[in-house]
Amino acid sequence: MKKVIPALTSAMLVMLAGPAFAGKSTPQEREATRQLNLEAAQQAKNTNQQIAAATPSANTKSQSAPAAAPTTPVESAPAGQNQDKTPAADAPAAANPDANPNPPAQ
């Protein structure tokens, strides 16, 4: 019995798949396929027209101005602060070779 089930299953698959492998279709099948293809093409055409109408063309310029980038306010120091320092006092020690305790090797 165990050998009969696979044999029957194989036979059924061959019978069902036979017309698909034959490569020949009846005139009714060809006409049904043609009608379905025409219908699908018409639906695709309508969908493409709806999409084209909903989106602006890439070649046309937008009539609205571009959105401004977000900005942060500039904070300035009070008038009396940072004016009593000299530029030499702000310079790092590496810029003054006399102030550097470990001079670079030559």
PDB file of N, CA and C in Angstrom:
ATOM      1  N   MET A   1       0.826  -1.189   0.000  1.00  0.00           N
ATOM      2  CA  MET A   1       0.000   0.000   0.000  1.00  0.00           C
ATOM      3  C   MET A   1       0.870   1.252   0.000  1.00  0.00           C
ATOM      4  N   LYS A   2       2.043   1.148   0.618  1.00  0.00           N
ATOM      5  CA  LYS A   2       2.920   2.310   0.695  1.00  0.00           C
ATOM      6  C   LYS A   2       3.436   2.714  -0.675  1.00  0.00           C
ATOM      7  N   LYS A   3       3.586   1.778  -1.581  1.00  0.00           N
ATOM      8  CA  LYS A   3       4.071   2.100  -2.923  1.00  0.00           C
ATOM      9  C   LYS A   3       2.949   2.589  -3.825  1.00  0.00           C
ATOM     10  N   VAL A   4       1.743   2.284  -3.497  1.00  0.00           N
ATOM     11  CA  VAL A   4       0.603   2.645  -4.340  1.00  0.00           C
ATOM     12  C   VAL A   4       0.300   4.146  -4.226  1.00  0.00           C
ATOM     13  N   ILE A   5       0.413   4.710  -3.043  1.00  0.00           N
ATOM     14  CA  ILE A   5       0.071   6.125  -2.845  1.00  0.00           C
ATOM     15  C   ILE A   5       0.993   7.035  -3.653  1.00  0.00           C
ATOM     16  N   PRO A   6       2.318   6.870  -3.594  1.00  0.00           N
ATOM     17  CA  PRO A   6       3.164   7.726  -4.447  1.00  0.00           C
ATOM     18  C   PRO A   6       2.924   7.493  -5.934  1.00  0.00           C
ATOM     19  N   ALA A   7       2.632   6.274  -6.330  1.00  0.00           N
ATOM     20  CA  ALA A   7       2.382   5.992  -7.740  1.00  0.00           C
ATOM     21  C   ALA A   7       1.110   6.691  -8.211  1.00  0.00           C
ATOM     22  N   LEU A   8       0.061   6.635  -7.403  1.00  0.00           N
ATOM     23  CA  LEU A   8      -1.191   7.310  -7.766  1.00  0.00           C
ATOM     24  C   LEU A   8      -1.018   8.833  -7.754  1.00  0.00           C
ATOM     25  N   THR A   9      -0.281   9.338  -6.806  1.00  0.00           N
ATOM     26  CA  THR A   9      -0.044  10.782  -6.745  1.00  0.00           C
ATOM     27  C   THR A   9       0.722  11.248  -7.973  1.00  0.00           C
ATOM     28  N   SER A  10       1.722  10.518  -8.357  1.00  0.00           N
ATOM     29  CA  SER A  10       2.497  10.865  -9.551  1.00  0.00           C
ATOM     30  C   SER A  10       1.638  10.815 -10.797  1.00  0.00           C
ATOM     31  N   ALA A  11       0.792   9.818 -10.903  1.00  0.00           N
ATOM     32  CA  ALA A  11      -0.087   9.693 -12.062  1.00  0.00           C
ATOM     33  C   ALA A  11      -1.055  10.870 -12.136  1.00  0.00           C
ATOM     34  N   MET A  12      -1.575  11.301 -10.995  1.00  0.00           N
ATOM     35  CA  MET A  12      -2.513  12.429 -10.987  1.00  0.00           C
ATOM     36  C   MET A  12      -1.799  13.729 -11.391  1.00  0.00           C
ATOM     37  N   LEU A  13      -0.584  13.907 -10.897  1.00  0.00           N
ATOM     38  CA  LEU A  13       0.160  15.110 -11.259  1.00  0.00           C
ATOM     39  C   LEU A  13       0.470  15.149 -12.749  1.00  0.00           C
ATOM     40  N   VAL A  14       0.806  14.004 -13.320  1.00  0.00           N
ATOM     41  CA  VAL A  14       1.088  13.951 -14.752  1.00  0.00           C
ATOM     42  C   VAL A  14      -0.167  14.264 -15.545  1.00  0.00           C
ATOM     43  N   MET A  15      -1.304  13.744 -15.106  1.00  0.00           N
ATOM     44  CA  MET A  15      -2.561  14.001 -15.826  1.00  0.00           C
ATOM     45  C   MET A  15      -2.948  15.473 -15.738  1.00  0.00           C
ATOM     46  N   LEU A  16      -2.761  16.082 -14.549  1.00  0.00           N
ATOM     47  CA  LEU A  16      -3.156  17.484 -14.386  1.00  0.00           C
ATOM     48  C   LEU A  16      -2.183  18.435 -15.078  1.00  0.00           C
ATOM     49  N   ALA A  17      -0.912  18.100 -15.080  1.00  0.00           N
ATOM     50  CA  ALA A  17       0.091  18.984 -15.656  1.00  0.00           C
ATOM     51  C   ALA A  17       0.289  18.746 -17.151  1.00  0.00           C
ATOM     52  N   GLY A  18      -0.262  17.712 -17.674  1.00  0.00           N
ATOM     53  CA  GLY A  18      -0.083  17.388 -19.081  1.00  0.00           C
ATOM     54  C   GLY A  18      -0.448  18.504 -20.025  1.00  0.00           C
ATOM     55  N   PRO A  19      -1.640  19.104 -19.916  1.00  0.00           N
ATOM     56  CA  PRO A  19      -1.992  20.185 -20.839  1.00  0.00           C
ATOM     57  C   PRO A  19      -1.077  21.409 -20.702  1.00  0.00           C
ATOM     58  N   ALA A  20      -0.543  21.642 -19.535  1.00  0.00           N
ATOM     59  CA  ALA A  20       0.334  22.797 -19.357  1.00  0.00           C
ATOM     60  C   ALA A  20       1.648  22.602 -20.105  1.00  0.00           C
ATOM     61  N   PHE A  21       2.125  21.369 -20.182  1.00  0.00           N
ATOM     62  CA  PHE A  21       3.373  21.091 -20.873  1.00  0.00           C
ATOM     63  C   PHE A  21       3.176  20.895 -22.375  1.00  0.00           C
ATOM     64  N   ALA A  22       1.947  20.764 -22.807  1.00  0.00           N
ATOM     65  CA  ALA A  22       1.676  20.510 -24.218  1.00  0.00           C
ATOM     66  C   ALA A  22       2.028  21.726 -25.078  1.00  0.00           C
ATOM     67  N   GLY A  23       1.853  22.948 -24.532  1.00  0.00           N
ATOM     68  CA  GLY A  23       2.188  24.146 -25.282  1.00  0.00           C
ATOM     69  C   GLY A  23       1.125  24.562 -26.268  1.00  0.00           C
ATOM     70  N   LYS A  24       0.046  23.873 -26.363  1.00  0.00           N
ATOM     71  CA  LYS A  24      -1.040  24.228 -27.278  1.00  0.00           C
ATOM     72  C   LYS A  24      -2.218  24.712 -26.447  1.00  0.00           C
ATOM     73  N   SER A  25      -2.834  25.775 -26.893  1.00  0.00           N
ATOM     74  CA  SER A  25      -4.025  26.258 -26.208  1.00  0.00           C
ATOM     75  C   SER A  25      -5.175  26.303 -27.209  1.00  0.00           C
ATOM     76  N   THR A  26      -6.347  26.186 -26.657  1.00  0.00           N
ATOM     77  CA  THR A  26      -7.539  26.191 -27.512  1.00  0.00           C
ATOM     78  C   THR A  26      -7.846  27.629 -27.922  1.00  0.00           C
ATOM     79  N   PRO A  27      -8.638  27.799 -28.959  1.00  0.00           N
ATOM     80  CA  PRO A  27      -9.010  29.159 -29.352  1.00  0.00           C
ATOM     81  C   PRO A  27      -9.733  29.922 -28.240  1.00  0.00           C
ATOM     82  N   GLN A  28     -10.520  29.203 -27.439  1.00  0.00           N
ATOM     83  CA  GLN A  28     -11.224  29.857 -26.333  1.00  0.00           C
ATOM     84  C   GLN A  28     -10.226  30.378 -25.293  1.00  0.00           C
ATOM     85  N   GLU A  29      -9.177  29.583 -25.034  1.00  0.00           N
ATOM     86  CA  GLU A  29      -8.166  30.013 -24.066  1.00  0.00           C
ATOM     87  C   GLU A  29      -7.392  31.215 -24.593  1.00  0.00           C
ATOM     88  N   ARG A  30      -7.070  31.203 -25.882  1.00  0.00           N
ATOM     89  CA  ARG A  30      -6.354  32.326 -26.469  1.00  0.00           C
ATOM     90  C   ARG A  30      -7.190  33.605 -26.424  1.00  0.00           C
ATOM     91  N   GLU A  31      -8.488  33.482 -26.704  1.00  0.00           N
ATOM     92  CA  GLU A  31      -9.368  34.650 -26.670  1.00  0.00           C
ATOM     93  C   GLU A  31      -9.523  35.173 -25.244  1.00  0.00           C
ATOM     94  N   ALA A  32      -9.642  34.277 -24.278  1.00  0.00           N
ATOM     95  CA  ALA A  32      -9.758  34.698 -22.877  1.00  0.00           C
ATOM     96  C   ALA A  32      -8.477  35.411 -22.425  1.00  0.00           C
ATOM     97  N   THR A  33      -7.340  34.886 -22.840  1.00  0.00           N
ATOM     98  CA  THR A  33      -6.064  35.512 -22.492  1.00  0.00           C
ATOM     99  C   THR A  33      -5.943  36.887 -23.138  1.00  0.00           C
ATOM    100  N   ARG A  34      -6.363  36.996 -24.387  1.00  0.00           N
ATOM    101  CA  ARG A  34      -6.302  38.281 -25.076  1.00  0.00           C
ATOM    102  C   ARG A  34      -7.186  39.312 -24.387  1.00  0.00           C
ATOM    103  N   GLN A  35      -8.398  38.902 -24.004  1.00  0.00           N
ATOM    104  CA  GLN A  35      -9.316  39.812 -23.318  1.00  0.00           C
ATOM    105  C   GLN A  35      -8.742  40.266 -21.971  1.00  0.00           C
ATOM    106  N   LEU A  36      -8.165  39.327 -21.235  1.00  0.00           N
ATOM    107  CA  LEU A  36      -7.575  39.670 -19.940  1.00  0.00           C
ATOM    108  C   LEU A  36      -6.392  40.623 -20.109  1.00  0.00           C
ATOM    109  N   ASN A  37      -5.584  40.391 -21.128  1.00  0.00           N
ATOM    110  CA  ASN A  37      -4.453  41.280 -21.379  1.00  0.00           C
ATOM    111  C   ASN A  37      -4.913  42.683 -21.768  1.00  0.00           C
ATOM    112  N   LEU A  38      -5.956  42.785 -22.591  1.00  0.00           N
ATOM    113  CA  LEU A  38      -6.488  44.093 -22.961  1.00  0.00           C
ATOM    114  C   LEU A  38      -7.043  44.824 -21.744  1.00  0.00           C
ATOM    115  N   GLU A  39      -7.752  44.088 -20.913  1.00  0.00           N
ATOM    116  CA  GLU A  39      -8.317  44.687 -19.699  1.00  0.00           C
ATOM    117  C   GLU A  39      -7.200  45.173 -18.753  1.00  0.00           C
ATOM    118  N   ALA A  40      -6.169  44.377 -18.587  1.00  0.00           N
ATOM    119  CA  ALA A  40      -5.058  44.764 -17.723  1.00  0.00           C
ATOM    120  C   ALA A  40      -4.332  45.981 -18.287  1.00  0.00           C
ATOM    121  N   ALA A  41      -4.181  46.046 -19.597  1.00  0.00           N
ATOM    122  CA  ALA A  41      -3.522  47.194 -20.215  1.00  0.00           C
ATOM    123  C   ALA A  41      -4.349  48.463 -20.023  1.00  0.00           C
ATOM    124  N   GLN A  42      -5.654  48.354 -20.144  1.00  0.00           N
ATOM    125  CA  GLN A  42      -6.528  49.513 -19.951  1.00  0.00           C
ATOM    126  C   GLN A  42      -6.467  49.999 -18.504  1.00  0.00           C
ATOM    127  N   GLN A  43      -6.469  49.066 -17.559  1.00  0.00           N
ATOM    128  CA  GLN A  43      -6.380  49.446 -16.143  1.00  0.00           C
ATOM    129  C   GLN A  43      -5.040  50.119 -15.852  1.00  0.00           C
ATOM    130  N   ALA A  44      -3.972  49.600 -16.428  1.00  0.00           N
ATOM    131  CA  ALA A  44      -2.655  50.194 -16.214  1.00  0.00           C
ATOM    132  C   ALA A  44      -2.590  51.597 -16.802  1.00  0.00           C
ATOM    133  N   LYS A  45      -3.215  51.793 -17.956  1.00  0.00           N
ATOM    134  CA  LYS A  45      -3.227  53.107 -18.585  1.00  0.00           C
ATOM    135  C   LYS A  45      -3.970  54.108 -17.710  1.00  0.00           C
ATOM    136  N   ASN A  46      -5.113  53.705 -17.175  1.00  0.00           N
ATOM    137  CA  ASN A  46      -5.888  54.589 -16.306  1.00  0.00           C
ATOM    138  C   ASN A  46      -5.119  54.911 -15.029  1.00  0.00           C
ATOM    139  N   THR A  47      -4.465  53.917 -14.464  1.00  0.00           N
ATOM    140  CA  THR A  47      -3.697  54.137 -13.235  1.00  0.00           C
ATOM    141  C   THR A  47      -2.545  55.090 -13.490  1.00  0.00           C
ATOM    142  N   ASN A  48      -1.848  54.915 -14.618  1.00  0.00           N
ATOM    143  CA  ASN A  48      -0.734  55.803 -14.951  1.00  0.00           C
ATOM    144  C   ASN A  48      -1.210  57.237 -15.154  1.00  0.00           C
ATOM    145  N   GLN A  49      -2.383  57.411 -15.756  1.00  0.00           N
ATOM    146  CA  GLN A  49      -2.915  58.753 -15.954  1.00  0.00           C
ATOM    147  C   GLN A  49      -3.266  59.391 -14.615  1.00  0.00           C
ATOM    148  N   GLN A  50      -3.810  58.608 -13.687  1.00  0.00           N
ATOM    149  CA  GLN A  50      -4.154  59.140 -12.363  1.00  0.00           C
ATOM    150  C   GLN A  50      -2.896  59.531 -11.605  1.00  0.00           C
ATOM    151  N   ILE A  51      -1.854  58.724 -11.708  1.00  0.00           N
ATOM    152  CA  ILE A  51      -0.599  59.038 -11.017  1.00  0.00           C
ATOM    153  C   ILE A  51       0.029  60.286 -11.630  1.00  0.00           C
ATOM    154  N   ALA A  52       0.003  60.390 -12.944  1.00  0.00           N
ATOM    155  CA  ALA A  52       0.586  61.551 -13.614  1.00  0.00           C
ATOM    156  C   ALA A  52      -0.171  62.826 -13.256  1.00  0.00           C
ATOM    157  N   ALA A  53      -1.479  62.729 -13.100  1.00  0.00           N
ATOM    158  CA  ALA A  53      -2.271  63.902 -12.753  1.00  0.00           C
ATOM    159  C   ALA A  53      -2.049  64.302 -11.299  1.00  0.00           C
ATOM    160  N   ALA A  54      -1.734  63.349 -10.442  1.00  0.00           N
ATOM    161  CA  ALA A  54      -1.574  63.638  -9.015  1.00  0.00           C
ATOM    162  C   ALA A  54      -0.204  64.195  -8.681  1.00  0.00           C
ATOM    163  N   THR A  55       0.821  63.884  -9.470  1.00  0.00           N
ATOM    164  CA  THR A  55       2.174  64.347  -9.157  1.00  0.00           C
ATOM    165  C   THR A  55       2.579  65.430 -10.141  1.00  0.00           C
ATOM    166  N   PRO A  56       3.258  66.478  -9.646  1.00  0.00           N
ATOM    167  CA  PRO A  56       3.714  67.522 -10.568  1.00  0.00           C
ATOM    168  C   PRO A  56       4.862  67.011 -11.416  1.00  0.00           C
ATOM    169  N   SER A  57       4.992  67.570 -12.567  1.00  0.00           N
ATOM    170  CA  SER A  57       6.052  67.162 -13.490  1.00  0.00           C
ATOM    171  C   SER A  57       7.404  67.579 -12.945  1.00  0.00           C
ATOM    172  N   ALA A  58       8.418  66.798 -13.210  1.00  0.00           N
ATOM    173  CA  ALA A  58       9.772  67.100 -12.735  1.00  0.00           C
ATOM    174  C   ALA A  58      10.357  68.293 -13.478  1.00  0.00           C
ATOM    175  N   ASN A  59       9.846  68.585 -14.666  1.00  0.00           N
ATOM    176  CA  ASN A  59      10.396  69.677 -15.463  1.00  0.00           C
ATOM    177  C   ASN A  59       9.794  71.029 -15.106  1.00  0.00           C
ATOM    178  N   THR A  60       8.656  71.049 -14.434  1.00  0.00           N
ATOM    179  CA  THR A  60       8.031  72.316 -14.091  1.00  0.00           C
ATOM    180  C   THR A  60       8.522  72.767 -12.728  1.00  0.00           C
ATOM    181  N   LYS A  61       8.749  74.074 -12.601  1.00  0.00           N
ATOM    182  CA  LYS A  61       9.209  74.626 -11.339  1.00  0.00           C
ATOM    183  C   LYS A  61       8.028  74.812 -10.402  1.00  0.00           C
ATOM    184  N   SER A  62       8.287  74.623  -9.146  1.00  0.00           N
ATOM    185  CA  SER A  62       7.252  74.798  -8.141  1.00  0.00           C
ATOM    186  C   SER A  62       6.925  76.285  -8.004  1.00  0.00           C
ATOM    187  N   GLN A  63       5.677  76.588  -7.759  1.00  0.00           N
ATOM    188  CA  GLN A  63       5.253  77.968  -7.625  1.00  0.00           C
ATOM    189  C   GLN A  63       5.469  78.497  -6.218  1.00  0.00           C
ATOM    190  N   SER A  64       5.777  77.640  -5.258  1.00  0.00           N
ATOM    191  CA  SER A  64       5.973  78.086  -3.895  1.00  0.00           C
ATOM    192  C   SER A  64       7.463  78.203  -3.583  1.00  0.00           C
ATOM    193  N   ALA A  65       7.772  79.050  -2.633  1.00  0.00           N
ATOM    194  CA  ALA A  65       9.162  79.248  -2.228  1.00  0.00           C
ATOM    195  C   ALA A  65       9.620  78.046  -1.416  1.00  0.00           C
ATOM    196  N   PRO A  66      10.911  77.741  -1.454  1.00  0.00           N
ATOM    197  CA  PRO A  66      11.403  76.630  -0.661  1.00  0.00           C
ATOM    198  C   PRO A  66      11.309  76.960   0.829  1.00  0.00           C
ATOM    199  N   ALA A  67      11.191  75.946   1.637  1.00  0.00           N
ATOM    200  CA  ALA A  67      11.088  76.145   3.080  1.00  0.00           C
ATOM    201  C   ALA A  67      12.431  76.615   3.632  1.00  0.00           C
ATOM    202  N   ALA A  68      12.368  77.513   4.580  1.00  0.00           N
ATOM    203  CA  ALA A  68      13.589  78.038   5.175  1.00  0.00           C
ATOM    204  C   ALA A  68      14.169  77.012   6.138  1.00  0.00           C
ATOM    205  N   ALA A  69      15.472  76.996   6.207  1.00  0.00           N
ATOM    206  CA  ALA A  69      16.139  76.079   7.131  1.00  0.00           C
ATOM    207  C   ALA A  69      15.994  76.617   8.551  1.00  0.00           C
ATOM    208  N   PRO A  70      15.847  75.743   9.520  1.00  0.00           N
ATOM    209  CA  PRO A  70      15.729  76.223  10.894  1.00  0.00           C
ATOM    210  C   PRO A  70      17.049  76.843  11.356  1.00  0.00           C
ATOM    211  N   THR A  71      16.952  77.927  12.088  1.00  0.00           N
ATOM    212  CA  THR A  71      18.148  78.615  12.556  1.00  0.00           C
ATOM    213  C   THR A  71      18.112  78.727  14.067  1.00  0.00           C
ATOM    214  N   THR A  72      19.272  78.935  14.644  1.00  0.00           N
ATOM    215  CA  THR A  72      19.367  79.169  16.084  1.00  0.00           C
ATOM    216  C   THR A  72      19.844  80.594  16.291  1.00  0.00           C
ATOM    217  N   PRO A  73      19.370  81.257  17.326  1.00  0.00           N
ATOM    218  CA  PRO A  73      19.796  82.645  17.535  1.00  0.00           C
ATOM    219  C   PRO A  73      21.273  82.709  17.927  1.00  0.00           C
ATOM    220  N   VAL A  74      21.928  83.789  17.532  1.00  0.00           N
ATOM    221  CA  VAL A  74      23.329  83.996  17.847  1.00  0.00           C
ATOM    222  C   VAL A  74      23.403  84.680  19.201  1.00  0.00           C
ATOM    223  N   GLU A  75      24.193  84.116  20.092  1.00  0.00           N
ATOM    224  CA  GLU A  75      24.347  84.718  21.416  1.00  0.00           C
ATOM    225  C   GLU A  75      25.670  85.465  21.457  1.00  0.00           C
ATOM    226  N   SER A  76      25.609  86.732  21.821  1.00  0.00           N
ATOM    227  CA  SER A  76      26.828  87.524  21.893  1.00  0.00           C
ATOM    228  C   SER A  76      27.187  87.760  23.352  1.00  0.00           C
ATOM    229  N   ALA A  77      28.468  88.021  23.596  1.00  0.00           N
ATOM    230  CA  ALA A  77      28.946  88.276  24.950  1.00  0.00           C
ATOM    231  C   ALA A  77      28.587  89.695  25.353  1.00  0.00           C
ATOM    232  N   PRO A  78      28.457  89.934  26.644  1.00  0.00           N
ATOM    233  CA  PRO A  78      28.210  91.320  27.087  1.00  0.00           C
ATOM    234  C   PRO A  78      29.357  92.231  26.645  1.00  0.00           C
ATOM    235  N   ALA A  79      29.110  93.501  26.575  1.00  0.00           N
ATOM    236  CA  ALA A  79      30.057  94.458  26.006  1.00  0.00           C
ATOM    237  C   ALA A  79      31.372  94.512  26.769  1.00  0.00           C
ATOM    238  N   GLY A  80      31.392  94.381  28.067  1.00  0.00           N
ATOM    239  CA  GLY A  80      32.616  94.530  28.838  1.00  0.00           C
ATOM    240  C   GLY A  80      33.439  93.263  28.924  1.00  0.00           C
ATOM    241  N   GLN A  81      32.900  92.137  28.554  1.00  0.00           N
ATOM    242  CA  GLN A  81      33.588  90.860  28.720  1.00  0.00           C
ATOM    243  C   GLN A  81      34.494  90.562  27.526  1.00  0.00           C
ATOM    244  N   ASN A  82      35.639  89.926  27.749  1.00  0.00           N
ATOM    245  CA  ASN A  82      36.597  89.491  26.744  1.00  0.00           C
ATOM    246  C   ASN A  82      37.311  90.635  26.039  1.00  0.00           C
ATOM    247  N   GLN A  83      37.167  91.876  26.503  1.00  0.00           N
ATOM    248  CA  GLN A  83      37.863  92.967  25.857  1.00  0.00           C
ATOM    249  C   GLN A  83      39.154  93.323  26.572  1.00  0.00           C
ATOM    250  N   ASP A  84      39.331  92.885  27.834  1.00  0.00           N
ATOM    251  CA  ASP A  84      40.530  93.233  28.557  1.00  0.00           C
ATOM    252  C   ASP A  84      41.677  92.264  28.293  1.00  0.00           C
ATOM    253  N   LYS A  85      41.414  91.142  27.638  1.00  0.00           N
ATOM    254  CA  LYS A  85      42.461  90.171  27.328  1.00  0.00           C
ATOM    255  C   LYS A  85      43.178  90.581  26.049  1.00  0.00           C
ATOM    256  N   THR A  86      44.459  90.279  26.016  1.00  0.00           N
ATOM    257  CA  THR A  86      45.221  90.548  24.811  1.00  0.00           C
ATOM    258  C   THR A  86      45.261  89.285  23.962  1.00  0.00           C
ATOM    259  N   PRO A  87      45.483  89.381  22.675  1.00  0.00           N
ATOM    260  CA  PRO A  87      45.535  88.188  21.833  1.00  0.00           C
ATOM    261  C   PRO A  87      46.646  87.244  22.235  1.00  0.00           C
ATOM    262  N   ALA A  88      47.768  87.759  22.761  1.00  0.00           N
ATOM    263  CA  ALA A  88      48.862  86.883  23.168  1.00  0.00           C
ATOM    264  C   ALA A  88      48.465  86.035  24.359  1.00  0.00           C
ATOM    265  N   ALA A  89      47.594  86.535  25.190  1.00  0.00           N
ATOM    266  CA  ALA A  89      47.160  85.777  26.363  1.00  0.00           C
ATOM    267  C   ALA A  89      46.253  84.624  25.952  1.00  0.00           C
ATOM    268  N   ASP A  90      45.554  84.771  24.844  1.00  0.00           N
ATOM    269  CA  ASP A  90      44.655  83.712  24.369  1.00  0.00           C
ATOM    270  C   ASP A  90      45.394  82.662  23.557  1.00  0.00           C
ATOM    271  N   ALA A  91      46.610  82.951  23.105  1.00  0.00           N
ATOM    272  CA  ALA A  91      47.345  82.017  22.255  1.00  0.00           C
ATOM    273  C   ALA A  91      47.774  80.810  23.066  1.00  0.00           C
ATOM    274  N   PRO A  92      47.772  79.618  22.480  1.00  0.00           N
ATOM    275  CA  PRO A  92      48.201  78.434  23.213  1.00  0.00           C
ATOM    276  C   PRO A  92      49.701  78.460  23.472  1.00  0.00           C
ATOM    277  N   ALA A  93      50.124  77.696  24.461  1.00  0.00           N
ATOM    278  CA  ALA A  93      51.526  77.673  24.848  1.00  0.00           C
ATOM    279  C   ALA A  93      52.399  77.085  23.749  1.00  0.00           C
ATOM    280  N   ALA A  94      51.877  76.219  22.911  1.00  0.00           N
ATOM    281  CA  ALA A  94      52.657  75.602  21.850  1.00  0.00           C
ATOM    282  C   ALA A  94      53.093  76.621  20.808  1.00  0.00           C
ATOM    283  N   ALA A  95      52.386  77.738  20.707  1.00  0.00           N
ATOM    284  CA  ALA A  95      52.765  78.758  19.739  1.00  0.00           C
ATOM    285  C   ALA A  95      53.989  79.543  20.217  1.00  0.00           C
ATOM    286  N   ASN A  96      54.263  79.541  21.515  1.00  0.00           N
ATOM    287  CA  ASN A  96      55.414  80.243  22.072  1.00  0.00           C
ATOM    288  C   ASN A  96      56.453  79.195  22.454  1.00  0.00           C
ATOM    289  N   PRO A  97      57.562  79.047  21.700  1.00  0.00           N
ATOM    290  CA  PRO A  97      58.529  77.992  21.989  1.00  0.00           C
ATOM    291  C   PRO A  97      59.232  78.173  23.325  1.00  0.00           C
ATOM    292  N   ASP A  98      59.336  79.398  23.829  1.00  0.00           N
ATOM    293  CA  ASP A  98      59.967  79.618  25.126  1.00  0.00           C
ATOM    294  C   ASP A  98      59.116  79.096  26.272  1.00  0.00           C
ATOM    295  N   ALA A  99      57.802  79.082  26.103  1.00  0.00           N
ATOM    296  CA  ALA A  99      56.896  78.659  27.165  1.00  0.00           C
ATOM    297  C   ALA A  99      56.733  77.141  27.190  1.00  0.00           C
ATOM    298  N   ASN A 100      57.131  76.424  26.147  1.00  0.00           N
ATOM    299  CA  ASN A 100      56.935  74.988  26.078  1.00  0.00           C
ATOM    300  C   ASN A 100      58.032  74.282  26.877  1.00  0.00           C
ATOM    301  N   PRO A 101      57.701  73.531  27.946  1.00  0.00           N
ATOM    302  CA  PRO A 101      58.720  72.876  28.744  1.00  0.00           C
ATOM    303  C   PRO A 101      59.389  71.719  28.012  1.00  0.00           C
ATOM    304  N   ASN A 102      58.755  71.117  27.033  1.00  0.00           N
ATOM    305  CA  ASN A 102      59.321  69.996  26.274  1.00  0.00           C
ATOM    306  C   ASN A 102      59.447  70.401  24.810  1.00  0.00           C
ATOM    307  N   PRO A 103      60.557  71.051  24.419  1.00  0.00           N
ATOM    308  CA  PRO A 103      60.670  71.468  23.019  1.00  0.00           C
ATOM    309  C   PRO A 103      60.835  70.261  22.096  1.00  0.00           C
ATOM    310  N   PRO A 104      60.364  70.361  20.841  1.00  0.00           N
ATOM    311  CA  PRO A 104      60.490  69.239  19.906  1.00  0.00           C
ATOM    312  C   PRO A 104      61.958  68.973  19.559  1.00  0.00           C
ATOM    313  N   ALA A 105      62.298  67.731  19.344  1.00  0.00           N
ATOM    314  CA  ALA A 105      63.669  67.336  19.002  1.00  0.00           C
ATOM    315  C   ALA A 105      63.970  67.765  17.584  1.00  0.00           C
ATOM    316  N   GLN A 106      65.244  68.199  17.394  1.00  0.00           N
ATOM    317  CA  GLN A 106      65.613  68.652  16.062  1.00  0.00           C
ATOM    318  C   GLN A 106      66.502  67.679  15.370  1.00  0.00           C
TER     319      GLN A 106
END
